[in-house]
C-alpha atoms as a PDB file:
ATOM      1  CA  MET A   1      -0.086   0.158  -0.139  1.00  0.00           C
ATOM      2  CA  ASN A   2       1.154   3.451  -0.651  1.00  0.00           C
ATOM      3  CA  ALA A   3       0.428   5.112   2.741  1.00  0.00           C
ATOM      4  CA  ALA A   4       1.667   8.263   3.968  1.00  0.00           C
ATOM      5  CA  PRO A   5       3.581   8.585   7.172  1.00  0.00           C
ATOM      6  CA  GLY A   6       1.772   8.341  10.149  1.00  0.00           C
ATOM      7  CA  ASN A   7      -1.161   7.606   8.651  1.00  0.00           C
ATOM      8  CA  ALA A   8      -0.721   3.713   6.698  1.00  0.00           C
ATOM      9  CA  SER A   9      -4.364   3.382   6.579  1.00  0.00           C
ATOM     10  CA  ARG A  10      -4.442   5.603   3.366  1.00  0.00           C
ATOM     11  CA  LEU A  11      -3.340   5.431   0.508  1.00  0.00           C
ATOM     12  CA  ASP A  12      -1.498   9.003  -1.270  1.00  0.00           C
ATOM     13  CA  LEU A  13      -3.414  11.184  -2.860  1.00  0.00           C
ATOM     14  CA  ALA A  14      -2.332  10.840  -6.300  1.00  0.00           C
ATOM     15  CA  ALA A  15      -2.911   7.012  -5.771  1.00  0.00           C
ATOM     16  CA  MET A  16      -6.782   7.935  -5.113  1.00  0.00           C
ATOM     17  CA  VAL A  17      -6.843  10.330  -7.675  1.00  0.00           C
ATOM     18  CA  VAL A  18      -5.317   9.771 -10.761  1.00  0.00           C
ATOM     19  CA  PRO A  19      -6.866   6.451 -11.097  1.00  0.00           C
ATOM     20  CA  LEU A  20     -10.270   8.040 -10.655  1.00  0.00           C
ATOM     21  CA  GLY A  21      -9.704  10.231 -13.153  1.00  0.00           C
ATOM     22  CA  ARG A  22      -8.802   7.936 -15.884  1.00  0.00           C
ATOM     23  CA  ALA A  23     -12.302   6.180 -15.230  1.00  0.00           C
ATOM     24  CA  LEU A  24     -13.996   9.336 -14.875  1.00  0.00           C
ATOM     25  CA  MET A  25     -12.197  10.743 -18.851  1.00  0.00           C
ATOM     26  CA  ALA A  26     -13.048   6.491 -19.731  1.00  0.00           C
ATOM     27  CA  ALA A  27     -16.694   7.269 -18.932  1.00  0.00           C
ATOM     28  CA  GLU A  28     -16.811  10.706 -20.522  1.00  0.00           C
ATOM     29  CA  GLN A  29     -15.161   9.119 -24.051  1.00  0.00           C
ATOM     30  CA  PRO A  30     -18.035   8.093 -25.342  1.00  0.00           C
ATOM     31  CA  VAL A  31     -20.438  11.092 -25.293  1.00  0.00           C
ATOM     32  CA  LEU A  32     -17.073  13.493 -26.278  1.00  0.00           C
ATOM     33  CA  ASP A  33     -17.212  10.951 -29.734  1.00  0.00           C
ATOM     34  CA  ALA A  34     -20.375  10.891 -30.444  1.00  0.00           C
ATOM     35  CA  HIS A  35     -20.376  14.669 -30.513  1.00  0.00           C
ATOM     36  CA  GLY A  36     -17.704  14.908 -32.476  1.00  0.00           C
ATOM     37  CA  LEU A  37     -15.159  15.947 -29.845  1.00  0.00           C
ATOM     38  CA  THR A  38     -11.645  15.214 -28.806  1.00  0.00           C
ATOM     39  CA  MET A  39     -11.203  15.920 -24.870  1.00  0.00           C
ATOM     40  CA  TRP A  40      -9.337  19.645 -25.568  1.00  0.00           C
ATOM     41  CA  ALA A  41     -12.255  20.553 -27.662  1.00  0.00           C
ATOM     42  CA  TYR A  42     -14.644  20.024 -24.961  1.00  0.00           C
ATOM     43  CA  ALA A  43     -12.455  21.875 -22.387  1.00  0.00           C
ATOM     44  CA  VAL A  44     -12.165  25.085 -24.930  1.00  0.00           C
ATOM     45  CA  LEU A  45     -15.585  24.792 -25.281  1.00  0.00           C
ATOM     46  CA  SER A  46     -15.998  24.357 -21.123  1.00  0.00           C
ATOM     47  CA  HIS A  47     -13.474  26.984 -20.656  1.00  0.00           C
ATOM     48  CA  LEU A  48     -15.110  29.646 -22.414  1.00  0.00           C
ATOM     49  CA  ASP A  49     -18.199  29.261 -20.305  1.00  0.00           C
ATOM     50  CA  GLU A  50     -16.471  31.230 -17.431  1.00  0.00           C
ATOM     51  CA  THR A  51     -14.791  33.797 -20.264  1.00  0.00           C
ATOM     52  CA  PRO A  52     -16.329  34.562 -23.713  1.00  0.00           C
ATOM     53  CA  LEU A  53     -13.788  36.544 -24.966  1.00  0.00           C
ATOM     54  CA  ARG A  54      -9.616  34.924 -24.198  1.00  0.00           C
ATOM     55  CA  THR A  55      -6.315  35.044 -26.327  1.00  0.00           C
ATOM     56  CA  GLN A  56      -5.423  31.912 -28.017  1.00  0.00           C
ATOM     57  CA  ALA A  57      -2.505  31.816 -25.204  1.00  0.00           C
ATOM     58  CA  ALA A  58      -4.574  32.804 -21.928  1.00  0.00           C
ATOM     59  CA  LEU A  59      -6.735  29.909 -23.327  1.00  0.00           C
ATOM     60  CA  ALA A  60      -3.846  27.177 -23.719  1.00  0.00           C
ATOM     61  CA  GLU A  61      -2.909  28.276 -20.182  1.00  0.00           C
ATOM     62  CA  ALA A  62      -5.779  27.642 -19.334  1.00  0.00           C
ATOM     63  CA  ILE A  63      -6.708  24.766 -20.299  1.00  0.00           C
ATOM     64  CA  HIS A  64      -2.631  23.559 -19.977  1.00  0.00           C
ATOM     65  CA  ALA A  65      -2.524  22.760 -23.276  1.00  0.00           C
ATOM     66  CA  ASP A  66       0.433  23.959 -25.669  1.00  0.00           C
ATOM     67  CA  LYS A  67      -0.125  27.239 -27.710  1.00  0.00           C
ATOM     68  CA  THR A  68       1.189  25.400 -31.003  1.00  0.00           C
ATOM     69  CA  ARG A  69      -1.207  22.264 -30.229  1.00  0.00           C
ATOM     70  CA  ILE A  70      -4.069  24.258 -29.531  1.00  0.00           C
ATOM     71  CA  ILE A  71      -3.915  25.822 -33.086  1.00  0.00           C
ATOM     72  CA  ALA A  72      -5.705  23.198 -34.761  1.00  0.00           C
ATOM     73  CA  VAL A  73      -8.433  22.664 -32.258  1.00  0.00           C
ATOM     74  CA  LEU A  74      -9.483  25.790 -32.757  1.00  0.00           C
ATOM     75  CA  ASP A  75      -9.389  25.703 -36.402  1.00  0.00           C
ATOM     76  CA  ASP A  76     -11.557  23.073 -35.859  1.00  0.00           C
ATOM     77  CA  LEU A  77     -14.153  24.165 -34.019  1.00  0.00           C
ATOM     78  CA  GLU A  78     -14.648  27.508 -35.777  1.00  0.00           C
ATOM     79  CA  SER A  79     -14.628  25.559 -39.245  1.00  0.00           C
ATOM     80  CA  ARG A  80     -18.181  23.711 -37.270  1.00  0.00           C
ATOM     81  CA  GLY A  81     -19.722  27.200 -36.241  1.00  0.00           C
ATOM     82  CA  LEU A  82     -19.421  26.584 -32.643  1.00  0.00           C
ATOM     83  CA  LEU A  83     -16.540  29.375 -31.735  1.00  0.00           C
ATOM     84  CA  THR A  84     -15.491  32.346 -33.588  1.00  0.00           C
ATOM     85  CA  ARG A  85     -12.214  33.835 -33.702  1.00  0.00           C
ATOM     86  CA  ARG A  86     -11.530  37.710 -34.298  1.00  0.00           C
ATOM     87  CA  PRO A  87      -8.515  40.236 -34.078  1.00  0.00           C
ATOM     88  CA  ASP A  88      -8.605  42.594 -31.076  1.00  0.00           C
ATOM     89  CA  PRO A  89      -8.976  45.844 -31.984  1.00  0.00           C
ATOM     90  CA  LYS A  90      -6.382  46.662 -29.596  1.00  0.00           C
ATOM     91  CA  ASP A  91      -3.936  44.766 -31.226  1.00  0.00           C
ATOM     92  CA  ARG A  92      -4.871  42.861 -34.335  1.00  0.00           C
ATOM     93  CA  ARG A  93      -2.136  40.053 -33.420  1.00  0.00           C
ATOM     94  CA  VAL A  94      -3.981  39.123 -30.761  1.00  0.00           C
ATOM     95  CA  ARG A  95      -7.299  36.981 -31.035  1.00  0.00           C
ATOM     96  CA  LEU A  96     -10.449  36.856 -29.069  1.00  0.00           C
ATOM     97  CA  LEU A  97     -12.527  34.003 -28.724  1.00  0.00           C
ATOM     98  CA  SER A  98     -15.785  33.390 -28.117  1.00  0.00           C
ATOM     99  CA  LEU A  99     -18.146  30.953 -28.268  1.00  0.00           C
ATOM    100  CA  THR A 100     -21.223  30.978 -31.347  1.00  0.00           C
ATOM    101  CA  SER A 101     -24.858  30.198 -30.088  1.00  0.00           C
ATOM    102  CA  GLU A 102     -24.338  26.623 -31.578  1.00  0.00           C
ATOM    103  CA  GLY A 103     -21.107  26.004 -28.873  1.00  0.00           C
ATOM    104  CA  ARG A 104     -23.126  26.980 -26.339  1.00  0.00           C
ATOM    105  CA  ARG A 105     -25.970  24.463 -27.448  1.00  0.00           C
ATOM    106  CA  LEU A 106     -23.382  21.753 -27.843  1.00  0.00           C
ATOM    107  CA  ARG A 107     -21.418  22.432 -24.966  1.00  0.00           C
ATOM    108  CA  ASP A 108     -24.285  22.027 -22.543  1.00  0.00           C
ATOM    109  CA  VAL A 109     -25.558  19.392 -24.435  1.00  0.00           C
ATOM    110  CA  VAL A 110     -21.963  17.161 -23.667  1.00  0.00           C
ATOM    111  CA  ARG A 111     -21.770  18.338 -19.847  1.00  0.00           C
ATOM    112  CA  ALA A 112     -25.374  17.647 -19.332  1.00  0.00           C
ATOM    113  CA  ALA A 113     -24.217  13.858 -20.391  1.00  0.00           C
ATOM    114  CA  VAL A 114     -21.168  14.085 -18.733  1.00  0.00           C
ATOM    115  CA  GLN A 115     -22.744  14.888 -15.651  1.00  0.00           C
ATOM    116  CA  ASP A 116     -24.878  12.420 -16.021  1.00  0.00           C
ATOM    117  CA  ARG A 117     -22.875   9.714 -15.848  1.00  0.00           C
ATOM    118  CA  GLU A 118     -21.178  11.267 -13.488  1.00  0.00           C
ATOM    119  CA  GLU A 119     -23.692  10.629 -11.300  1.00  0.00           C
ATOM    120  CA  ARG A 120     -23.894   7.222 -11.587  1.00  0.00           C
ATOM    121  CA  LEU A 121     -20.718   7.832  -9.582  1.00  0.00           C
ATOM    122  CA  LEU A 122     -21.499  10.092  -7.080  1.00  0.00           C
ATOM    123  CA  GLY A 123     -24.915   8.366  -6.392  1.00  0.00           C
ATOM    124  CA  GLN A 124     -22.698   5.369  -4.899  1.00  0.00           C
ATOM    125  CA  LEU A 125     -22.101   7.730  -2.033  1.00  0.00           C
ATOM    126  CA  PRO A 126     -24.356   8.804   0.813  1.00  0.00           C
ATOM    127  CA  ALA A 127     -26.200  12.504   0.099  1.00  0.00           C
ATOM    128  CA  ALA A 128     -24.248  14.327   2.841  1.00  0.00           C
ATOM    129  CA  ASP A 129     -21.358  12.700   2.014  1.00  0.00           C
ATOM    130  CA  ARG A 130     -21.761  13.359  -1.878  1.00  0.00           C
ATOM    131  CA  GLU A 131     -22.338  17.311  -1.139  1.00  0.00           C
ATOM    132  CA  THR A 132     -19.125  17.606   1.071  1.00  0.00           C
ATOM    133  CA  PHE A 133     -16.756  15.272  -1.152  1.00  0.00           C
ATOM    134  CA  LEU A 134     -18.176  17.845  -4.416  1.00  0.00           C
ATOM    135  CA  ARG A 135     -17.624  20.843  -1.911  1.00  0.00           C
ATOM    136  CA  SER A 136     -14.012  19.529  -0.814  1.00  0.00           C
ATOM    137  CA  LEU A 137     -13.289  18.841  -4.297  1.00  0.00           C
ATOM    138  CA  ARG A 138     -13.997  22.378  -5.377  1.00  0.00           C
ATOM    139  CA  THR A 139     -11.932  23.776  -2.701  1.00  0.00           C
ATOM    140  CA  LEU A 140      -9.110  21.687  -3.366  1.00  0.00           C
ATOM    141  CA  TYR A 141      -9.326  22.339  -7.220  1.00  0.00           C
ATOM    142  CA  GLU A 142      -9.854  26.152  -6.526  1.00  0.00           C
ATOM    143  CA  ALA A 143      -6.770  25.768  -4.130  1.00  0.00           C
ATOM    144  CA  SER A 144      -4.371  23.837  -6.943  1.00  0.00           C
ATOM    145  CA  GLN A 145      -5.388  26.750  -9.670  1.00  0.00           C
ATOM    146  CA  SER A 146      -4.501  29.942  -7.255  1.00  0.00           C
ATOM    147  CA  ARG A 147      -1.239  28.118  -6.725  1.00  0.00           C
ATOM    148  CA  ARG A 148      -0.365  27.079 -10.156  1.00  0.00           C
ATOM    149  CA  GLY A 149      -0.645  31.201 -10.904  1.00  0.00           C
ATOM    150  CA  ARG A 150       1.918  31.872  -8.283  1.00  0.00           C
END
């Protein structure tokens, strides 16, 4: 067992979280496939929900993607009418991104289907534990994001 010193009964967090993350990604893949999306494309659509206009470089950084690799994803989403890229009026070298109404609709449909699959896993927890788990996970996620920005 991969236990922390002083707590032999608990696995390391990574030993628990990484396999869980892989299982969640595997459950998500059929949904993405059904809608012709890659994980990166879904990450783009999901992130643009939070901030309607972003530079390509800032978006790539926010979703932890290589800024040169993300261009092909953006090209595909734009060709499908899911997002628009336009020059920033303040700096024409910068491209501002925004979701189209079709992009928002697809993101919402895919998110609902993904979360439905997640519900199957979360349903194994009693309601009180589930709320605590989600709240704690959100807290840890936000803490990791704020540390990343330092």
